[in-house]
């Protein structure tokens, strides 16, 4: 078993309260965004998890350092401290994770997610998954 000193790792990644490598950045639809990493306060016991593999599909408004938000579609894994941790994929296929204010997160329906997946799928592979069925017409 390996023990990790969380405070020491945090000090290595930050210098005088700032990230060494700048704010977290991702590219979406060809545009690069810097998002705010909130400082969560409270007991770790107040954070709850959805069952692994049964994470709800969500639309989240990611707060940006320049102000405003950008909407991403992904999965929520945990919630607590009035925030939800959401994962999504950027243009490069990298998975991004961020704590998003709960007010900026909403669940999407199975039909909405089906349409999102359809548009993410390469056109030549859409017939394999959807056949002749139009995306988005799923029972709720």
N, C-alpha and C. Protein backbone atom coordinates (compact mmCIF):
# COMPACT_ATOMS: atom_id res chain seq x y z
N UNK A 1 0.84 -1.18 0.00
CA UNK A 1 0.00 0.00 0.00
C UNK A 1 0.88 1.23 0.00
N UNK A 2 0.52 2.20 -0.79
CA UNK A 2 1.26 3.45 -0.89
C UNK A 2 0.39 4.55 -0.30
N UNK A 3 0.97 5.33 0.58
CA UNK A 3 0.25 6.47 1.16
C UNK A 3 0.70 7.73 0.45
N UNK A 4 -0.28 8.56 0.11
CA UNK A 4 0.01 9.81 -0.58
C UNK A 4 -0.30 10.97 0.36
N UNK A 5 0.64 11.87 0.48
CA UNK A 5 0.43 13.08 1.27
C UNK A 5 -0.27 14.10 0.37
N UNK A 6 -1.58 14.23 0.56
CA UNK A 6 -2.39 15.09 -0.30
C UNK A 6 -1.93 16.54 -0.24
N UNK A 7 -1.57 17.02 0.94
CA UNK A 7 -1.12 18.41 1.05
C UNK A 7 0.17 18.65 0.29
N UNK A 8 1.11 17.68 0.36
CA UNK A 8 2.38 17.83 -0.35
C UNK A 8 2.15 17.86 -1.86
N UNK A 9 1.26 17.01 -2.36
CA UNK A 9 0.96 17.01 -3.79
C UNK A 9 0.33 18.33 -4.19
N UNK A 10 -0.60 18.83 -3.38
CA UNK A 10 -1.23 20.12 -3.65
C UNK A 10 -0.22 21.25 -3.71
N UNK A 11 0.77 21.22 -2.81
CA UNK A 11 1.81 22.25 -2.81
C UNK A 11 2.69 22.14 -4.04
N UNK A 12 2.94 20.90 -4.51
CA UNK A 12 3.74 20.73 -5.71
C UNK A 12 3.04 21.29 -6.94
N UNK A 13 1.70 21.18 -6.99
CA UNK A 13 0.96 21.63 -8.16
C UNK A 13 0.64 23.11 -8.14
N UNK A 14 0.76 23.73 -6.98
CA UNK A 14 0.44 25.16 -6.89
C UNK A 14 1.64 25.93 -6.35
N UNK A 15 1.65 27.19 -6.68
CA UNK A 15 2.68 28.07 -6.16
C UNK A 15 1.98 29.35 -5.77
N UNK A 16 2.04 29.69 -4.49
CA UNK A 16 1.38 30.89 -3.96
C UNK A 16 -0.09 30.94 -4.32
N UNK A 17 -0.77 29.79 -4.23
CA UNK A 17 -2.20 29.75 -4.48
C UNK A 17 -2.59 29.71 -5.94
N UNK A 18 -1.60 29.61 -6.86
CA UNK A 18 -1.90 29.57 -8.29
C UNK A 18 -1.44 28.24 -8.87
N UNK A 19 -2.06 27.84 -9.97
CA UNK A 19 -1.61 26.65 -10.67
C UNK A 19 -0.28 26.94 -11.34
N UNK A 20 0.67 26.01 -11.26
CA UNK A 20 1.96 26.18 -11.93
C UNK A 20 1.76 26.22 -13.44
N UNK A 21 0.89 25.35 -13.95
CA UNK A 21 0.71 25.23 -15.39
C UNK A 21 -0.46 26.05 -15.91
N UNK A 22 -0.91 27.04 -15.18
CA UNK A 22 -2.04 27.85 -15.63
C UNK A 22 -3.37 27.18 -15.29
N UNK A 23 -4.43 27.81 -15.66
CA UNK A 23 -5.76 27.27 -15.38
C UNK A 23 -6.04 26.10 -16.30
N UNK A 24 -6.94 25.20 -15.88
CA UNK A 24 -7.31 24.07 -16.75
C UNK A 24 -7.89 24.59 -18.07
N UNK A 25 -7.45 24.00 -19.17
CA UNK A 25 -7.83 24.44 -20.50
C UNK A 25 -8.35 23.26 -21.31
N UNK A 26 -9.32 23.53 -22.19
CA UNK A 26 -9.80 22.51 -23.11
C UNK A 26 -10.26 23.18 -24.40
N UNK A 27 -10.34 22.39 -25.47
CA UNK A 27 -10.78 22.90 -26.77
C UNK A 27 -12.09 22.23 -27.13
N UNK A 28 -13.06 23.02 -27.53
CA UNK A 28 -14.38 22.52 -27.92
C UNK A 28 -14.82 23.25 -29.17
N UNK A 29 -15.15 22.51 -30.21
CA UNK A 29 -15.56 23.07 -31.49
C UNK A 29 -14.51 24.05 -32.02
N UNK A 30 -13.23 23.72 -31.80
CA UNK A 30 -12.15 24.55 -32.31
C UNK A 30 -11.81 25.77 -31.49
N UNK A 31 -12.51 26.01 -30.38
CA UNK A 31 -12.26 27.18 -29.54
C UNK A 31 -11.64 26.70 -28.23
N UNK A 32 -10.58 27.38 -27.78
CA UNK A 32 -9.92 27.03 -26.53
C UNK A 32 -10.55 27.81 -25.38
N UNK A 33 -10.84 27.11 -24.29
CA UNK A 33 -11.47 27.71 -23.12
C UNK A 33 -10.63 27.45 -21.88
N UNK A 34 -10.61 28.43 -20.97
CA UNK A 34 -10.01 28.26 -19.64
C UNK A 34 -11.15 28.26 -18.65
N UNK A 35 -11.28 27.18 -17.88
CA UNK A 35 -12.40 27.14 -16.94
C UNK A 35 -11.95 27.32 -15.51
N UNK A 36 -12.86 27.83 -14.71
CA UNK A 36 -12.59 28.09 -13.30
C UNK A 36 -12.63 26.79 -12.51
N UNK A 37 -11.66 26.59 -11.68
CA UNK A 37 -11.64 25.46 -10.76
C UNK A 37 -12.05 26.01 -9.39
N UNK A 38 -13.28 25.72 -8.95
CA UNK A 38 -13.74 26.30 -7.69
C UNK A 38 -13.01 25.72 -6.50
N UNK A 39 -12.94 26.49 -5.44
CA UNK A 39 -12.36 26.01 -4.19
C UNK A 39 -13.52 25.45 -3.36
N UNK A 40 -13.54 24.12 -3.23
CA UNK A 40 -14.61 23.47 -2.48
C UNK A 40 -14.27 23.48 -1.01
N UNK A 41 -15.26 23.84 -0.21
CA UNK A 41 -15.06 23.84 1.24
C UNK A 41 -16.09 22.92 1.86
N UNK A 42 -15.70 22.27 2.92
CA UNK A 42 -16.60 21.35 3.60
C UNK A 42 -15.94 20.01 3.79
N UNK A 43 -16.65 19.14 4.47
CA UNK A 43 -16.12 17.81 4.79
C UNK A 43 -16.21 16.89 3.59
N UNK A 44 -15.18 16.08 3.36
CA UNK A 44 -15.22 15.11 2.25
C UNK A 44 -16.39 14.13 2.39
N UNK A 45 -16.85 13.89 3.60
CA UNK A 45 -17.98 12.97 3.81
C UNK A 45 -19.28 13.50 3.21
N UNK A 46 -19.31 14.79 2.89
CA UNK A 46 -20.52 15.40 2.31
C UNK A 46 -20.60 15.20 0.80
N UNK A 47 -19.59 14.57 0.21
CA UNK A 47 -19.58 14.29 -1.23
C UNK A 47 -20.12 12.89 -1.46
N UNK A 48 -21.07 12.76 -2.38
CA UNK A 48 -21.73 11.47 -2.66
C UNK A 48 -21.46 11.07 -4.10
N UNK A 49 -21.51 9.77 -4.36
CA UNK A 49 -21.24 9.25 -5.70
C UNK A 49 -22.43 8.48 -6.24
N UNK A 50 -22.62 8.59 -7.56
CA UNK A 50 -23.55 7.69 -8.21
C UNK A 50 -22.85 6.35 -8.38
N UNK A 51 -23.60 5.31 -8.56
CA UNK A 51 -23.02 3.99 -8.74
C UNK A 51 -22.15 3.98 -10.00
N UNK A 52 -20.99 3.35 -9.88
CA UNK A 52 -20.04 3.31 -10.99
C UNK A 52 -20.71 2.73 -12.24
N UNK A 53 -20.54 3.41 -13.35
CA UNK A 53 -21.11 2.97 -14.62
C UNK A 53 -22.56 3.37 -14.82
N UNK A 54 -23.19 3.92 -13.80
CA UNK A 54 -24.58 4.37 -13.92
C UNK A 54 -24.67 5.87 -13.70
N UNK A 55 -23.65 6.56 -14.21
CA UNK A 55 -23.61 8.01 -14.05
C UNK A 55 -24.64 8.66 -14.95
N UNK A 56 -25.37 9.64 -14.42
CA UNK A 56 -26.38 10.31 -15.26
C UNK A 56 -25.73 11.17 -16.35
N UNK A 57 -26.38 11.19 -17.50
CA UNK A 57 -25.95 12.03 -18.61
C UNK A 57 -26.47 13.44 -18.35
N UNK A 58 -25.59 14.44 -18.54
CA UNK A 58 -25.96 15.80 -18.18
C UNK A 58 -25.49 16.81 -19.23
N UNK A 59 -26.11 17.97 -19.18
CA UNK A 59 -25.63 19.16 -19.88
C UNK A 59 -25.15 20.09 -18.78
N UNK A 60 -23.93 20.62 -18.90
CA UNK A 60 -23.38 21.46 -17.85
C UNK A 60 -22.84 22.76 -18.44
N UNK A 61 -23.10 23.85 -17.74
CA UNK A 61 -22.55 25.15 -18.10
C UNK A 61 -21.25 25.34 -17.33
N UNK A 62 -20.12 25.20 -18.01
CA UNK A 62 -18.81 25.29 -17.37
C UNK A 62 -18.43 26.76 -17.21
N UNK A 63 -18.21 27.25 -15.96
CA UNK A 63 -17.80 28.64 -15.77
C UNK A 63 -16.40 28.88 -16.33
N UNK A 64 -16.22 29.99 -17.02
CA UNK A 64 -14.95 30.32 -17.66
C UNK A 64 -14.24 31.45 -16.92
N UNK A 65 -12.91 31.47 -17.02
CA UNK A 65 -12.14 32.52 -16.35
C UNK A 65 -12.43 33.89 -16.94
N UNK A 66 -12.75 33.94 -18.23
CA UNK A 66 -13.05 35.22 -18.90
C UNK A 66 -14.48 35.67 -18.62
N UNK A 67 -15.23 34.88 -17.87
CA UNK A 67 -16.63 35.19 -17.62
C UNK A 67 -17.51 34.39 -18.54
N UNK A 68 -18.74 34.20 -18.14
CA UNK A 68 -19.68 33.43 -18.94
C UNK A 68 -19.49 31.93 -18.75
N UNK A 69 -20.17 31.17 -19.57
CA UNK A 69 -20.09 29.71 -19.50
C UNK A 69 -20.06 29.14 -20.90
N UNK A 70 -19.63 27.88 -21.00
CA UNK A 70 -19.72 27.12 -22.24
C UNK A 70 -20.43 25.82 -21.86
N UNK A 71 -21.37 25.40 -22.69
CA UNK A 71 -22.15 24.20 -22.40
C UNK A 71 -21.48 22.96 -22.98
N UNK A 72 -21.38 21.94 -22.14
CA UNK A 72 -20.80 20.66 -22.55
C UNK A 72 -21.79 19.55 -22.19
N UNK A 73 -21.68 18.44 -22.89
CA UNK A 73 -22.49 17.26 -22.60
C UNK A 73 -21.56 16.18 -22.08
N UNK A 74 -21.91 15.61 -20.94
CA UNK A 74 -21.06 14.59 -20.33
C UNK A 74 -21.81 13.79 -19.30
N UNK A 75 -21.05 13.27 -18.33
CA UNK A 75 -21.62 12.45 -17.28
C UNK A 75 -21.25 13.03 -15.92
N UNK A 76 -22.19 12.96 -14.99
CA UNK A 76 -21.94 13.40 -13.62
C UNK A 76 -21.53 12.18 -12.80
N UNK A 77 -20.51 12.34 -11.96
CA UNK A 77 -20.04 11.21 -11.17
C UNK A 77 -20.28 11.40 -9.67
N UNK A 78 -20.13 12.62 -9.19
CA UNK A 78 -20.28 12.90 -7.75
C UNK A 78 -20.97 14.24 -7.55
N UNK A 79 -21.52 14.42 -6.34
CA UNK A 79 -22.11 15.70 -6.01
C UNK A 79 -21.90 15.98 -4.54
N UNK A 80 -21.83 17.25 -4.22
CA UNK A 80 -21.67 17.70 -2.84
C UNK A 80 -21.20 19.14 -2.83
N UNK A 81 -21.38 19.82 -1.71
CA UNK A 81 -20.95 21.21 -1.54
C UNK A 81 -21.55 22.12 -2.62
N UNK A 82 -22.79 21.83 -3.04
CA UNK A 82 -23.50 22.61 -4.07
C UNK A 82 -22.82 22.55 -5.43
N UNK A 83 -22.01 21.52 -5.67
CA UNK A 83 -21.33 21.32 -6.95
C UNK A 83 -21.51 19.88 -7.41
N UNK A 84 -21.35 19.67 -8.70
CA UNK A 84 -21.40 18.34 -9.31
C UNK A 84 -20.13 18.18 -10.13
N UNK A 85 -19.46 17.03 -10.00
CA UNK A 85 -18.27 16.82 -10.84
C UNK A 85 -18.74 16.16 -12.13
N UNK A 86 -18.39 16.80 -13.24
CA UNK A 86 -18.84 16.39 -14.57
C UNK A 86 -17.63 16.05 -15.42
N UNK A 87 -17.73 14.98 -16.20
CA UNK A 87 -16.68 14.64 -17.17
C UNK A 87 -17.25 14.79 -18.57
N UNK A 88 -16.41 15.25 -19.50
CA UNK A 88 -16.79 15.37 -20.90
C UNK A 88 -15.54 15.20 -21.74
N UNK A 89 -15.72 15.01 -23.02
CA UNK A 89 -14.60 14.83 -23.95
C UNK A 89 -14.41 16.09 -24.77
N UNK A 90 -13.15 16.51 -24.91
CA UNK A 90 -12.86 17.69 -25.72
C UNK A 90 -12.59 17.29 -27.17
N UNK A 91 -12.22 18.25 -27.99
CA UNK A 91 -11.99 18.00 -29.41
C UNK A 91 -10.90 16.96 -29.67
N UNK A 92 -9.91 16.91 -28.77
CA UNK A 92 -8.79 15.98 -28.94
C UNK A 92 -9.09 14.59 -28.39
N UNK A 93 -10.30 14.41 -27.86
CA UNK A 93 -10.68 13.12 -27.30
C UNK A 93 -10.24 12.93 -25.86
N UNK A 94 -9.69 13.98 -25.24
CA UNK A 94 -9.28 13.90 -23.84
C UNK A 94 -10.49 14.07 -22.93
N UNK A 95 -10.52 13.34 -21.86
CA UNK A 95 -11.59 13.48 -20.88
C UNK A 95 -11.23 14.61 -19.93
N UNK A 96 -12.13 15.55 -19.78
CA UNK A 96 -11.98 16.68 -18.86
C UNK A 96 -12.90 16.46 -17.67
N UNK A 97 -12.48 16.88 -16.49
CA UNK A 97 -13.29 16.78 -15.28
C UNK A 97 -13.32 18.15 -14.63
N UNK A 98 -14.49 18.56 -14.15
CA UNK A 98 -14.57 19.83 -13.43
C UNK A 98 -15.74 19.80 -12.46
N UNK A 99 -15.55 20.47 -11.33
CA UNK A 99 -16.65 20.69 -10.39
C UNK A 99 -17.45 21.88 -10.91
N UNK A 100 -18.71 21.66 -11.19
CA UNK A 100 -19.60 22.67 -11.76
C UNK A 100 -20.67 23.01 -10.72
N UNK A 101 -21.03 24.29 -10.56
CA UNK A 101 -22.12 24.61 -9.65
C UNK A 101 -23.38 23.82 -10.03
N UNK A 102 -24.06 23.27 -9.03
CA UNK A 102 -25.22 22.42 -9.28
C UNK A 102 -26.29 23.13 -10.10
N UNK A 103 -26.41 24.43 -9.96
CA UNK A 103 -27.41 25.19 -10.71
C UNK A 103 -27.11 25.19 -12.21
N UNK A 104 -25.88 24.90 -12.61
CA UNK A 104 -25.48 24.89 -14.03
C UNK A 104 -25.58 23.51 -14.65
N UNK A 105 -26.09 22.52 -13.93
CA UNK A 105 -26.12 21.14 -14.41
C UNK A 105 -27.57 20.67 -14.51
N UNK A 106 -27.92 20.04 -15.64
CA UNK A 106 -29.25 19.44 -15.78
C UNK A 106 -29.11 18.08 -16.46
N UNK A 107 -29.96 17.14 -16.05
CA UNK A 107 -29.97 15.82 -16.69
C UNK A 107 -30.57 15.94 -18.07
N UNK A 108 -30.04 15.15 -19.00
CA UNK A 108 -30.62 15.10 -20.34
C UNK A 108 -31.41 13.79 -20.47
N UNK A 109 -32.38 13.81 -21.33
CA UNK A 109 -33.20 12.61 -21.54
C UNK A 109 -32.44 11.61 -22.41
N UNK A 110 -32.92 10.38 -22.43
CA UNK A 110 -32.30 9.35 -23.26
C UNK A 110 -32.34 9.75 -24.73
N UNK A 111 -33.42 10.39 -25.16
CA UNK A 111 -33.53 10.83 -26.57
C UNK A 111 -32.52 11.93 -26.88
N UNK A 112 -32.35 12.89 -25.96
CA UNK A 112 -31.36 13.95 -26.17
C UNK A 112 -29.96 13.35 -26.29
N UNK A 113 -29.64 12.41 -25.39
CA UNK A 113 -28.32 11.79 -25.41
C UNK A 113 -28.11 10.99 -26.69
N UNK A 114 -29.16 10.36 -27.19
CA UNK A 114 -29.08 9.59 -28.43
C UNK A 114 -28.71 10.51 -29.59
N UNK A 115 -29.29 11.70 -29.63
CA UNK A 115 -28.97 12.67 -30.68
C UNK A 115 -27.53 13.16 -30.55
N UNK A 116 -27.09 13.41 -29.33
CA UNK A 116 -25.72 13.85 -29.09
C UNK A 116 -24.74 12.78 -29.57
N UNK A 117 -25.00 11.53 -29.23
CA UNK A 117 -24.15 10.42 -29.65
C UNK A 117 -24.15 10.29 -31.17
N UNK A 118 -25.28 10.49 -31.80
CA UNK A 118 -25.39 10.42 -33.26
C UNK A 118 -24.45 11.43 -33.91
N UNK A 119 -24.44 12.65 -33.41
CA UNK A 119 -23.61 13.70 -34.00
C UNK A 119 -22.12 13.48 -33.70
N UNK A 120 -21.80 12.81 -32.61
CA UNK A 120 -20.41 12.51 -32.28
C UNK A 120 -19.86 11.35 -33.11
N UNK A 121 -20.74 10.50 -33.59
CA UNK A 121 -20.35 9.30 -34.33
C UNK A 121 -19.92 9.67 -35.75
N UNK A 122 -18.83 9.09 -36.26
CA UNK A 122 -18.46 9.35 -37.66
C UNK A 122 -19.59 8.94 -38.60
N UNK A 123 -19.87 9.73 -39.63
CA UNK A 123 -20.99 9.44 -40.53
C UNK A 123 -20.98 8.03 -41.12
N UNK A 124 -19.80 7.50 -41.41
CA UNK A 124 -19.74 6.17 -42.02
C UNK A 124 -20.11 5.05 -41.04
N UNK A 125 -20.15 5.35 -39.74
CA UNK A 125 -20.49 4.33 -38.74
C UNK A 125 -21.91 4.47 -38.18
N UNK A 126 -22.60 5.52 -38.56
CA UNK A 126 -23.94 5.75 -38.01
C UNK A 126 -24.91 4.64 -38.38
N UNK A 127 -24.80 4.09 -39.56
CA UNK A 127 -25.72 3.02 -39.98
C UNK A 127 -25.52 1.76 -39.15
N UNK A 128 -24.32 1.55 -38.63
CA UNK A 128 -24.06 0.37 -37.81
C UNK A 128 -24.85 0.45 -36.50
N UNK A 129 -24.85 1.61 -35.88
CA UNK A 129 -25.51 1.75 -34.58
C UNK A 129 -27.00 2.06 -34.69
N UNK A 130 -27.37 2.94 -35.61
CA UNK A 130 -28.77 3.38 -35.68
C UNK A 130 -29.57 2.68 -36.77
N UNK A 131 -28.90 2.07 -37.72
CA UNK A 131 -29.62 1.41 -38.81
C UNK A 131 -30.51 2.40 -39.53
N UNK A 132 -31.79 2.08 -39.66
CA UNK A 132 -32.73 2.98 -40.33
C UNK A 132 -33.51 3.84 -39.33
N UNK A 133 -33.23 3.64 -38.02
CA UNK A 133 -33.92 4.41 -36.98
C UNK A 133 -33.35 5.82 -36.90
N UNK A 134 -34.24 6.80 -36.83
CA UNK A 134 -33.81 8.18 -36.63
C UNK A 134 -33.36 8.37 -35.20
N UNK A 135 -32.30 9.14 -34.97
CA UNK A 135 -31.84 9.34 -33.59
C UNK A 135 -32.83 10.19 -32.80
N UNK A 136 -32.94 9.90 -31.52
CA UNK A 136 -33.74 10.72 -30.64
C UNK A 136 -35.15 10.24 -30.37
N UNK A 137 -35.60 9.21 -31.03
CA UNK A 137 -36.97 8.74 -30.81
C UNK A 137 -36.95 7.51 -29.92
N UNK A 138 -36.61 7.73 -28.64
CA UNK A 138 -36.54 6.64 -27.67
C UNK A 138 -37.66 6.78 -26.65
N UNK A 139 -38.13 5.68 -26.12
CA UNK A 139 -39.13 5.77 -25.05
C UNK A 139 -38.49 6.37 -23.80
N UNK A 140 -39.19 7.25 -23.16
CA UNK A 140 -38.64 7.91 -21.95
C UNK A 140 -38.98 7.15 -20.74
